[in-house]
């Protein structure tokens, strides 16, 4: 019994330390399973693309999670997000101008992260209490927020690809909007946490709603492309010859027309 009790305490301690990570894993697996059962790629892409922004806001606004756990979860969910975007972007025909802009954005982001360091990249000053330090190396010698500018350039660059833009513009647009939201959050700073909490919560709730609507819309377009209502209607069983107009009327009017035709036949 003592051994079981000790094992139980150890298990609870492990779950307690890694609860958020386990939640992330379960979220990803649940979304993938649901998308597989529904055979809907847009559902998986949209519902897995934005959770790292939520983790950024949660840590910045509340700071309740241990810094190491936050970094691990944020990196993992960002990796999932980038993989989802890359999967649908690379499925479209490649566009040279789009690739150049994306590459420039990524390089700017990577260079900024190298100058800032991994801890400060993930809000080490605001979340972990690292001492403030002024970074003057490139690209911080040109702008105070090169990472966000790099993200906006990379996500915006995908929209230059016409094929990707046609089908996935809401995905890239939401990424750009959320990066602008991160910029607003950073400008507000830890001193305005209440504003960050309220504004960030409302913004992320709106993004989730938008992602859900985009996923449903993309799913509908995949099954019923342009003018889906006309095509779906055209695939319905056609009524008997000469009854098309009656078939679109209420049932009562349809019945009256049938009775009228029967009377005409009897009169003949």
C-alpha atoms as a PDB file:
ATOM      1  CA  UNK A   1       0.000   0.000   0.000  1.00  0.00           C
ATOM      2  CA  UNK A   2       2.833   2.371   0.796  1.00  0.00           C
ATOM      3  CA  UNK A   3       4.399   1.692  -2.583  1.00  0.00           C
ATOM      4  CA  UNK A   4       1.077   2.324  -4.349  1.00  0.00           C
ATOM      5  CA  UNK A   5       0.550   5.504  -2.387  1.00  0.00           C
ATOM      6  CA  UNK A   6       4.027   6.750  -3.276  1.00  0.00           C
ATOM      7  CA  UNK A   7       3.465   5.875  -6.946  1.00  0.00           C
ATOM      8  CA  UNK A   8       0.137   7.691  -6.908  1.00  0.00           C
ATOM      9  CA  UNK A   9       1.719  10.809  -5.438  1.00  0.00           C
ATOM     10  CA  UNK A  10       4.509  10.676  -8.006  1.00  0.00           C
ATOM     11  CA  UNK A  11       1.999  10.310 -10.833  1.00  0.00           C
ATOM     12  CA  UNK A  12      -0.070  13.240  -9.579  1.00  0.00           C
ATOM     13  CA  UNK A  13       3.074  15.335  -9.272  1.00  0.00           C
ATOM     14  CA  UNK A  14       4.075  14.547 -12.862  1.00  0.00           C
ATOM     15  CA  UNK A  15       0.583  15.351 -14.133  1.00  0.00           C
ATOM     16  CA  UNK A  16       0.556  18.546 -12.108  1.00  0.00           C
ATOM     17  CA  UNK A  17       3.868  19.725 -13.552  1.00  0.00           C
ATOM     18  CA  UNK A  18       2.900  18.799 -17.102  1.00  0.00           C
ATOM     19  CA  UNK A  19      -0.839  19.374 -17.032  1.00  0.00           C
ATOM     20  CA  UNK A  20      -0.786  22.161 -19.620  1.00  0.00           C
ATOM     21  CA  UNK A  21       1.406  20.142 -21.963  1.00  0.00           C
ATOM     22  CA  UNK A  22      -0.915  17.145 -21.674  1.00  0.00           C
ATOM     23  CA  UNK A  23      -3.844  19.453 -22.413  1.00  0.00           C
ATOM     24  CA  UNK A  24      -2.093  20.655 -25.570  1.00  0.00           C
ATOM     25  CA  UNK A  25      -1.459  17.081 -26.687  1.00  0.00           C
ATOM     26  CA  UNK A  26      -5.070  16.075 -26.053  1.00  0.00           C
ATOM     27  CA  UNK A  27      -6.296  19.149 -27.927  1.00  0.00           C
ATOM     28  CA  UNK A  28      -4.192  18.345 -30.988  1.00  0.00           C
ATOM     29  CA  UNK A  29      -5.192  14.679 -30.973  1.00  0.00           C
ATOM     30  CA  UNK A  30      -8.883  15.511 -30.528  1.00  0.00           C
ATOM     31  CA  UNK A  31      -8.898  17.998 -33.405  1.00  0.00           C
ATOM     32  CA  UNK A  32      -7.015  15.608 -35.691  1.00  0.00           C
ATOM     33  CA  UNK A  33      -9.391  12.772 -34.834  1.00  0.00           C
ATOM     34  CA  UNK A  34     -12.462  14.916 -35.435  1.00  0.00           C
ATOM     35  CA  UNK A  35     -11.075  16.208 -38.733  1.00  0.00           C
ATOM     36  CA  UNK A  36     -10.212  12.671 -39.843  1.00  0.00           C
ATOM     37  CA  UNK A  37     -13.687  11.388 -39.045  1.00  0.00           C
ATOM     38  CA  UNK A  38     -15.247  14.327 -40.876  1.00  0.00           C
ATOM     39  CA  UNK A  39     -12.649  14.156 -43.668  1.00  0.00           C
ATOM     40  CA  UNK A  40     -12.174  17.899 -43.337  1.00  0.00           C
ATOM     41  CA  UNK A  41      -8.680  19.323 -43.715  1.00  0.00           C
ATOM     42  CA  UNK A  42      -9.839  22.941 -43.112  1.00  0.00           C
ATOM     43  CA  UNK A  43     -11.248  21.928 -39.727  1.00  0.00           C
ATOM     44  CA  UNK A  44      -7.849  20.667 -38.563  1.00  0.00           C
ATOM     45  CA  UNK A  45      -5.905  23.573 -40.069  1.00  0.00           C
ATOM     46  CA  UNK A  46      -8.029  26.351 -38.609  1.00  0.00           C
ATOM     47  CA  UNK A  47      -8.535  24.799 -35.192  1.00  0.00           C
ATOM     48  CA  UNK A  48      -4.825  24.074 -34.679  1.00  0.00           C
ATOM     49  CA  UNK A  49      -3.318  27.303 -36.002  1.00  0.00           C
ATOM     50  CA  UNK A  50      -3.821  29.881 -33.251  1.00  0.00           C
ATOM     51  CA  UNK A  51      -3.366  28.322 -29.814  1.00  0.00           C
ATOM     52  CA  UNK A  52       0.192  29.547 -29.327  1.00  0.00           C
ATOM     53  CA  UNK A  53      -1.143  33.121 -29.444  1.00  0.00           C
ATOM     54  CA  UNK A  54      -3.485  32.182 -26.618  1.00  0.00           C
ATOM     55  CA  UNK A  55      -0.531  30.875 -24.601  1.00  0.00           C
ATOM     56  CA  UNK A  56       1.370  34.136 -25.232  1.00  0.00           C
ATOM     57  CA  UNK A  57      -1.558  36.159 -23.963  1.00  0.00           C
ATOM     58  CA  UNK A  58      -2.180  33.858 -21.000  1.00  0.00           C
ATOM     59  CA  UNK A  59       1.413  34.055 -19.795  1.00  0.00           C
ATOM     60  CA  UNK A  60       1.762  37.783 -20.467  1.00  0.00           C
ATOM     61  CA  UNK A  61      -1.541  38.757 -18.858  1.00  0.00           C
ATOM     62  CA  UNK A  62      -1.606  36.365 -15.895  1.00  0.00           C
ATOM     63  CA  UNK A  63       1.886  34.876 -15.561  1.00  0.00           C
ATOM     64  CA  UNK A  64       0.568  31.939 -13.540  1.00  0.00           C
ATOM     65  CA  UNK A  65       2.344  29.187 -15.468  1.00  0.00           C
ATOM     66  CA  UNK A  66       6.025  28.306 -14.809  1.00  0.00           C
ATOM     67  CA  UNK A  67       8.234  29.939 -17.411  1.00  0.00           C
ATOM     68  CA  UNK A  68       9.859  26.690 -18.568  1.00  0.00           C
ATOM     69  CA  UNK A  69       6.477  25.031 -19.089  1.00  0.00           C
ATOM     70  CA  UNK A  70       5.211  28.082 -20.964  1.00  0.00           C
ATOM     71  CA  UNK A  71       8.174  28.044 -23.340  1.00  0.00           C
ATOM     72  CA  UNK A  72       7.790  24.326 -24.007  1.00  0.00           C
ATOM     73  CA  UNK A  73       4.061  24.564 -24.702  1.00  0.00           C
ATOM     74  CA  UNK A  74       4.390  27.726 -26.796  1.00  0.00           C
ATOM     75  CA  UNK A  75       7.128  26.240 -28.978  1.00  0.00           C
ATOM     76  CA  UNK A  76       5.154  23.007 -29.422  1.00  0.00           C
ATOM     77  CA  UNK A  77       1.902  24.723 -30.417  1.00  0.00           C
ATOM     78  CA  UNK A  78       3.711  27.172 -32.687  1.00  0.00           C
ATOM     79  CA  UNK A  79       5.345  24.210 -34.419  1.00  0.00           C
ATOM     80  CA  UNK A  80       1.919  22.653 -34.963  1.00  0.00           C
ATOM     81  CA  UNK A  81       0.624  25.961 -36.325  1.00  0.00           C
ATOM     82  CA  UNK A  82       3.511  26.440 -38.744  1.00  0.00           C
ATOM     83  CA  UNK A  83       3.231  22.823 -39.907  1.00  0.00           C
ATOM     84  CA  UNK A  84      -0.483  23.268 -40.619  1.00  0.00           C
ATOM     85  CA  UNK A  85       0.147  26.444 -42.610  1.00  0.00           C
ATOM     86  CA  UNK A  86       3.071  24.900 -44.504  1.00  0.00           C
ATOM     87  CA  UNK A  87       0.997  21.850 -45.428  1.00  0.00           C
ATOM     88  CA  UNK A  88      -1.697  23.875 -47.184  1.00  0.00           C
ATOM     89  CA  UNK A  89       0.692  26.484 -48.616  1.00  0.00           C
ATOM     90  CA  UNK A  90       3.013  23.926 -50.196  1.00  0.00           C
ATOM     91  CA  UNK A  91       0.017  22.105 -51.662  1.00  0.00           C
ATOM     92  CA  UNK A  92      -0.598  25.157 -53.871  1.00  0.00           C
ATOM     93  CA  UNK A  93       1.532  25.930 -56.938  1.00  0.00           C
ATOM     94  CA  UNK A  94       4.670  27.776 -55.857  1.00  0.00           C
ATOM     95  CA  UNK A  95       4.965  31.505 -56.453  1.00  0.00           C
ATOM     96  CA  UNK A  96       8.479  32.992 -56.537  1.00  0.00           C
ATOM     97  CA  UNK A  97       7.537  36.466 -55.272  1.00  0.00           C
ATOM     98  CA  UNK A  98       5.566  34.931 -52.408  1.00  0.00           C
ATOM     99  CA  UNK A  99       8.463  32.672 -51.431  1.00  0.00           C
ATOM    100  CA  UNK A 100      10.925  35.588 -51.436  1.00  0.00           C
ATOM    101  CA  UNK A 101       8.755  37.691 -49.114  1.00  0.00           C
ATOM    102  CA  UNK A 102       8.164  34.717 -46.802  1.00  0.00           C
ATOM    103  CA  UNK A 103      11.895  33.963 -46.674  1.00  0.00           C
ATOM    104  CA  UNK A 104      12.722  37.581 -45.845  1.00  0.00           C
ATOM    105  CA  UNK A 105      10.169  37.579 -43.038  1.00  0.00           C
ATOM    106  CA  UNK A 106      11.507  34.328 -41.593  1.00  0.00           C
ATOM    107  CA  UNK A 107      15.114  35.531 -41.776  1.00  0.00           C
ATOM    108  CA  UNK A 108      14.204  38.760 -40.004  1.00  0.00           C
ATOM    109  CA  UNK A 109      12.400  36.786 -37.309  1.00  0.00           C
ATOM    110  CA  UNK A 110      15.283  34.341 -36.825  1.00  0.00           C
ATOM    111  CA  UNK A 111      17.866  37.112 -36.674  1.00  0.00           C
ATOM    112  CA  UNK A 112      15.806  39.009 -34.098  1.00  0.00           C
ATOM    113  CA  UNK A 113      15.374  35.878 -31.962  1.00  0.00           C
ATOM    114  CA  UNK A 114      19.139  35.260 -32.079  1.00  0.00           C
ATOM    115  CA  UNK A 115      19.846  38.821 -30.946  1.00  0.00           C
ATOM    116  CA  UNK A 116      17.229  38.688 -28.196  1.00  0.00           C
ATOM    117  CA  UNK A 117      17.841  35.174 -26.873  1.00  0.00           C
ATOM    118  CA  UNK A 118      15.308  32.381 -26.418  1.00  0.00           C
ATOM    119  CA  UNK A 119      14.193  33.455 -22.933  1.00  0.00           C
ATOM    120  CA  UNK A 120      13.542  37.073 -23.853  1.00  0.00           C
ATOM    121  CA  UNK A 121      11.928  35.987 -27.106  1.00  0.00           C
ATOM    122  CA  UNK A 122       9.233  34.299 -25.033  1.00  0.00           C
ATOM    123  CA  UNK A 123       8.591  37.268 -22.741  1.00  0.00           C
ATOM    124  CA  UNK A 124      11.272  36.414 -20.219  1.00  0.00           C
ATOM    125  CA  UNK A 125      11.283  39.979 -18.899  1.00  0.00           C
ATOM    126  CA  UNK A 126       7.499  40.247 -18.569  1.00  0.00           C
ATOM    127  CA  UNK A 127       6.782  36.672 -17.452  1.00  0.00           C
ATOM    128  CA  UNK A 128       9.941  35.388 -15.741  1.00  0.00           C
ATOM    129  CA  UNK A 129      11.122  38.686 -14.292  1.00  0.00           C
ATOM    130  CA  UNK A 130      14.402  38.846 -16.182  1.00  0.00           C
ATOM    131  CA  UNK A 131      16.127  42.217 -15.731  1.00  0.00           C
ATOM    132  CA  UNK A 132      15.507  44.714 -18.528  1.00  0.00           C
ATOM    133  CA  UNK A 133      18.204  44.952 -21.149  1.00  0.00           C
ATOM    134  CA  UNK A 134      18.459  47.174 -24.183  1.00  0.00           C
ATOM    135  CA  UNK A 135      19.279  45.265 -27.380  1.00  0.00           C
ATOM    136  CA  UNK A 136      21.021  47.341 -30.029  1.00  0.00           C
ATOM    137  CA  UNK A 137      22.194  44.602 -32.406  1.00  0.00           C
ATOM    138  CA  UNK A 138      20.573  44.272 -35.836  1.00  0.00           C
ATOM    139  CA  UNK A 139      17.626  44.253 -36.454  1.00  0.00           C
ATOM    140  CA  UNK A 140      16.830  46.007 -33.167  1.00  0.00           C
ATOM    141  CA  UNK A 141      19.034  48.844 -34.361  1.00  0.00           C
ATOM    142  CA  UNK A 142      16.317  49.572 -36.940  1.00  0.00           C
ATOM    143  CA  UNK A 143      13.057  48.806 -35.134  1.00  0.00           C
ATOM    144  CA  UNK A 144      11.843  47.834 -31.669  1.00  0.00           C
ATOM    145  CA  UNK A 145       9.652  44.979 -32.897  1.00  0.00           C
ATOM    146  CA  UNK A 146      11.457  43.137 -35.698  1.00  0.00           C
ATOM    147  CA  UNK A 147      10.046  39.726 -34.784  1.00  0.00           C
ATOM    148  CA  UNK A 148       6.458  40.840 -35.219  1.00  0.00           C
ATOM    149  CA  UNK A 149       7.351  42.645 -38.445  1.00  0.00           C
ATOM    150  CA  UNK A 150       8.998  39.457 -39.673  1.00  0.00           C
ATOM    151  CA  UNK A 151       5.916  37.421 -38.785  1.00  0.00           C
ATOM    152  CA  UNK A 152       3.606  39.859 -40.553  1.00  0.00           C
ATOM    153  CA  UNK A 153       5.838  39.797 -43.630  1.00  0.00           C
ATOM    154  CA  UNK A 154       5.984  35.983 -43.661  1.00  0.00           C
ATOM    155  CA  UNK A 155       2.246  35.437 -43.181  1.00  0.00           C
ATOM    156  CA  UNK A 156       1.363  38.312 -45.483  1.00  0.00           C
ATOM    157  CA  UNK A 157       3.748  36.936 -48.078  1.00  0.00           C
ATOM    158  CA  UNK A 158       1.637  33.797 -48.406  1.00  0.00           C
ATOM    159  CA  UNK A 159      -1.181  35.975 -49.750  1.00  0.00           C
ATOM    160  CA  UNK A 160       0.916  36.927 -52.767  1.00  0.00           C
ATOM    161  CA  UNK A 161       0.409  33.365 -53.996  1.00  0.00           C
ATOM    162  CA  UNK A 162      -2.916  33.615 -55.894  1.00  0.00           C
ATOM    163  CA  UNK A 163      -3.859  29.951 -55.520  1.00  0.00           C
ATOM    164  CA  UNK A 164      -3.243  29.965 -51.770  1.00  0.00           C
ATOM    165  CA  UNK A 165      -4.959  33.330 -51.391  1.00  0.00           C
ATOM    166  CA  UNK A 166      -8.088  32.086 -53.130  1.00  0.00           C
ATOM    167  CA  UNK A 167      -8.674  29.230 -50.705  1.00  0.00           C
ATOM    168  CA  UNK A 168      -6.837  30.163 -47.505  1.00  0.00           C
ATOM    169  CA  UNK A 169      -6.825  33.955 -47.201  1.00  0.00           C
ATOM    170  CA  UNK A 170      -8.711  33.892 -43.851  1.00  0.00           C
ATOM    171  CA  UNK A 171      -5.948  31.710 -42.363  1.00  0.00           C
ATOM    172  CA  UNK A 172      -3.139  34.117 -43.259  1.00  0.00           C
ATOM    173  CA  UNK A 173      -5.299  37.117 -42.407  1.00  0.00           C
ATOM    174  CA  UNK A 174      -5.979  35.839 -38.892  1.00  0.00           C
ATOM    175  CA  UNK A 175      -2.258  35.238 -38.358  1.00  0.00           C
ATOM    176  CA  UNK A 176      -1.485  38.811 -39.407  1.00  0.00           C
ATOM    177  CA  UNK A 177      -4.246  40.188 -37.192  1.00  0.00           C
ATOM    178  CA  UNK A 178      -3.040  38.225 -34.166  1.00  0.00           C
ATOM    179  CA  UNK A 179       0.537  39.410 -34.633  1.00  0.00           C
ATOM    180  CA  UNK A 180      -0.728  42.985 -34.675  1.00  0.00           C
ATOM    181  CA  UNK A 181      -2.574  42.096 -31.476  1.00  0.00           C
ATOM    182  CA  UNK A 182       0.700  40.892 -29.955  1.00  0.00           C
ATOM    183  CA  UNK A 183       2.262  44.205 -30.895  1.00  0.00           C
ATOM    184  CA  UNK A 184      -0.532  46.076 -29.112  1.00  0.00           C
ATOM    185  CA  UNK A 185      -0.075  43.808 -26.084  1.00  0.00           C
ATOM    186  CA  UNK A 186       3.656  44.499 -25.952  1.00  0.00           C
ATOM    187  CA  UNK A 187       3.119  48.229 -26.307  1.00  0.00           C
ATOM    188  CA  UNK A 188       0.590  48.139 -23.452  1.00  0.00           C
ATOM    189  CA  UNK A 189       3.155  46.339 -21.290  1.00  0.00           C
ATOM    190  CA  UNK A 190       2.822  44.599 -17.915  1.00  0.00           C
ATOM    191  CA  UNK A 191       1.640  47.804 -16.245  1.00  0.00           C
ATOM    192  CA  UNK A 192      -1.676  47.600 -18.077  1.00  0.00           C
ATOM    193  CA  UNK A 193      -2.402  43.954 -17.390  1.00  0.00           C
ATOM    194  CA  UNK A 194      -6.100  44.540 -16.796  1.00  0.00           C
ATOM    195  CA  UNK A 195      -6.525  46.056 -20.244  1.00  0.00           C
ATOM    196  CA  UNK A 196      -4.423  43.277 -21.733  1.00  0.00           C
ATOM    197  CA  UNK A 197      -6.533  40.632 -19.996  1.00  0.00           C
ATOM    198  CA  UNK A 198      -9.870  42.019 -21.140  1.00  0.00           C
ATOM    199  CA  UNK A 199      -8.794  43.068 -24.623  1.00  0.00           C
ATOM    200  CA  UNK A 200      -6.800  39.911 -25.273  1.00  0.00           C
ATOM    201  CA  UNK A 201      -9.611  37.660 -24.098  1.00  0.00           C
ATOM    202  CA  UNK A 202     -12.137  39.373 -26.355  1.00  0.00           C
ATOM    203  CA  UNK A 203      -9.722  39.348 -29.289  1.00  0.00           C
ATOM    204  CA  UNK A 204      -8.928  35.657 -28.970  1.00  0.00           C
ATOM    205  CA  UNK A 205     -12.606  34.747 -28.578  1.00  0.00           C
ATOM    206  CA  UNK A 206     -13.299  36.660 -31.797  1.00  0.00           C
ATOM    207  CA  UNK A 207     -10.464  34.842 -33.557  1.00  0.00           C
ATOM    208  CA  UNK A 208     -11.825  31.458 -32.486  1.00  0.00           C
ATOM    209  CA  UNK A 209     -15.247  32.392 -33.843  1.00  0.00           C
ATOM    210  CA  UNK A 210     -13.668  33.606 -37.068  1.00  0.00           C
ATOM    211  CA  UNK A 211     -11.598  30.446 -37.381  1.00  0.00           C
ATOM    212  CA  UNK A 212     -14.692  28.303 -36.860  1.00  0.00           C
ATOM    213  CA  UNK A 213     -16.648  30.209 -39.499  1.00  0.00           C
ATOM    214  CA  UNK A 214     -13.703  30.013 -41.928  1.00  0.00           C
ATOM    215  CA  UNK A 215     -13.344  26.263 -41.327  1.00  0.00           C
ATOM    216  CA  UNK A 216     -17.047  25.650 -41.976  1.00  0.00           C
ATOM    217  CA  UNK A 217     -16.954  27.869 -45.055  1.00  0.00           C
ATOM    218  CA  UNK A 218     -13.859  26.172 -46.461  1.00  0.00           C
ATOM    219  CA  UNK A 219     -15.394  22.779 -45.762  1.00  0.00           C
ATOM    220  CA  UNK A 220     -18.553  23.758 -47.613  1.00  0.00           C
ATOM    221  CA  UNK A 221     -16.604  25.093 -50.583  1.00  0.00           C
ATOM    222  CA  UNK A 222     -14.589  21.886 -50.717  1.00  0.00           C
ATOM    223  CA  UNK A 223     -17.739  19.803 -51.013  1.00  0.00           C
ATOM    224  CA  UNK A 224     -19.780  22.284 -53.046  1.00  0.00           C
ATOM    225  CA  UNK A 225     -17.492  24.693 -54.934  1.00  0.00           C
ATOM    226  CA  UNK A 226     -18.450  28.086 -56.383  1.00  0.00           C
ATOM    227  CA  UNK A 227     -22.185  28.804 -56.457  1.00  0.00           C
ATOM    228  CA  UNK A 228     -22.582  25.888 -54.072  1.00  0.00           C
ATOM    229  CA  UNK A 229     -26.282  26.490 -53.564  1.00  0.00           C
ATOM    230  CA  UNK A 230     -27.000  26.178 -57.290  1.00  0.00           C
ATOM    231  CA  UNK A 231     -24.829  23.077 -57.704  1.00  0.00           C
ATOM    232  CA  UNK A 232     -26.242  21.353 -54.662  1.00  0.00           C
ATOM    233  CA  UNK A 233     -29.752  22.125 -55.859  1.00  0.00           C
ATOM    234  CA  UNK A 234     -28.867  20.829 -59.325  1.00  0.00           C
ATOM    235  CA  UNK A 235     -27.744  17.518 -57.799  1.00  0.00           C
ATOM    236  CA  UNK A 236     -31.127  17.008 -56.145  1.00  0.00           C
ATOM    237  CA  UNK A 237     -33.502  14.501 -57.843  1.00  0.00           C
ATOM    238  CA  UNK A 238     -35.426  16.286 -60.578  1.00  0.00           C
ATOM    239  CA  UNK A 239     -39.228  16.302 -60.359  1.00  0.00           C
ATOM    240  CA  UNK A 240     -41.354  14.663 -63.032  1.00  0.00           C
ATOM    241  CA  UNK A 241     -41.448  16.389 -66.452  1.00  0.00           C
ATOM    242  CA  UNK A 242     -43.687  19.399 -66.497  1.00  0.00           C
ATOM    243  CA  UNK A 243     -43.768  19.629 -62.683  1.00  0.00           C
ATOM    244  CA  UNK A 244     -40.652  21.778 -61.981  1.00  0.00           C
ATOM    245  CA  UNK A 245     -42.578  24.857 -60.981  1.00  0.00           C
ATOM    246  CA  UNK A 246     -45.037  22.901 -58.879  1.00  0.00           C
ATOM    247  CA  UNK A 247     -42.194  21.091 -57.124  1.00  0.00           C
ATOM    248  CA  UNK A 248     -40.846  24.386 -55.769  1.00  0.00           C
ATOM    249  CA  UNK A 249     -44.206  25.516 -54.383  1.00  0.00           C
ATOM    250  CA  UNK A 250     -45.610  24.639 -50.952  1.00  0.00           C
ATOM    251  CA  UNK A 251     -47.052  21.158 -50.657  1.00  0.00           C
ATOM    252  CA  UNK A 252     -50.625  22.454 -50.521  1.00  0.00           C
ATOM    253  CA  UNK A 253     -50.339  24.315 -53.829  1.00  0.00           C
ATOM    254  CA  UNK A 254     -48.634  21.298 -55.373  1.00  0.00           C
ATOM    255  CA  UNK A 255     -51.526  19.074 -54.330  1.00  0.00           C
ATOM    256  CA  UNK A 256     -54.065  21.525 -55.725  1.00  0.00           C
ATOM    257  CA  UNK A 257     -52.287  21.526 -59.104  1.00  0.00           C
ATOM    258  CA  UNK A 258     -52.309  17.731 -59.237  1.00  0.00           C
ATOM    259  CA  UNK A 259     -56.041  17.679 -58.517  1.00  0.00           C
ATOM    260  CA  UNK A 260     -56.596  20.278 -61.232  1.00  0.00           C
ATOM    261  CA  UNK A 261     -54.699  18.166 -63.781  1.00  0.00           C
ATOM    262  CA  UNK A 262     -56.727  15.125 -62.846  1.00  0.00           C
ATOM    263  CA  UNK A 263     -59.960  17.028 -63.472  1.00  0.00           C
ATOM    264  CA  UNK A 264     -58.665  18.083 -66.902  1.00  0.00           C
ATOM    265  CA  UNK A 265     -57.854  14.460 -67.799  1.00  0.00           C
ATOM    266  CA  UNK A 266     -61.333  13.336 -66.700  1.00  0.00           C
ATOM    267  CA  UNK A 267     -62.912  16.090 -68.785  1.00  0.00           C
ATOM    268  CA  UNK A 268     -61.120  14.808 -71.843  1.00  0.00           C
END
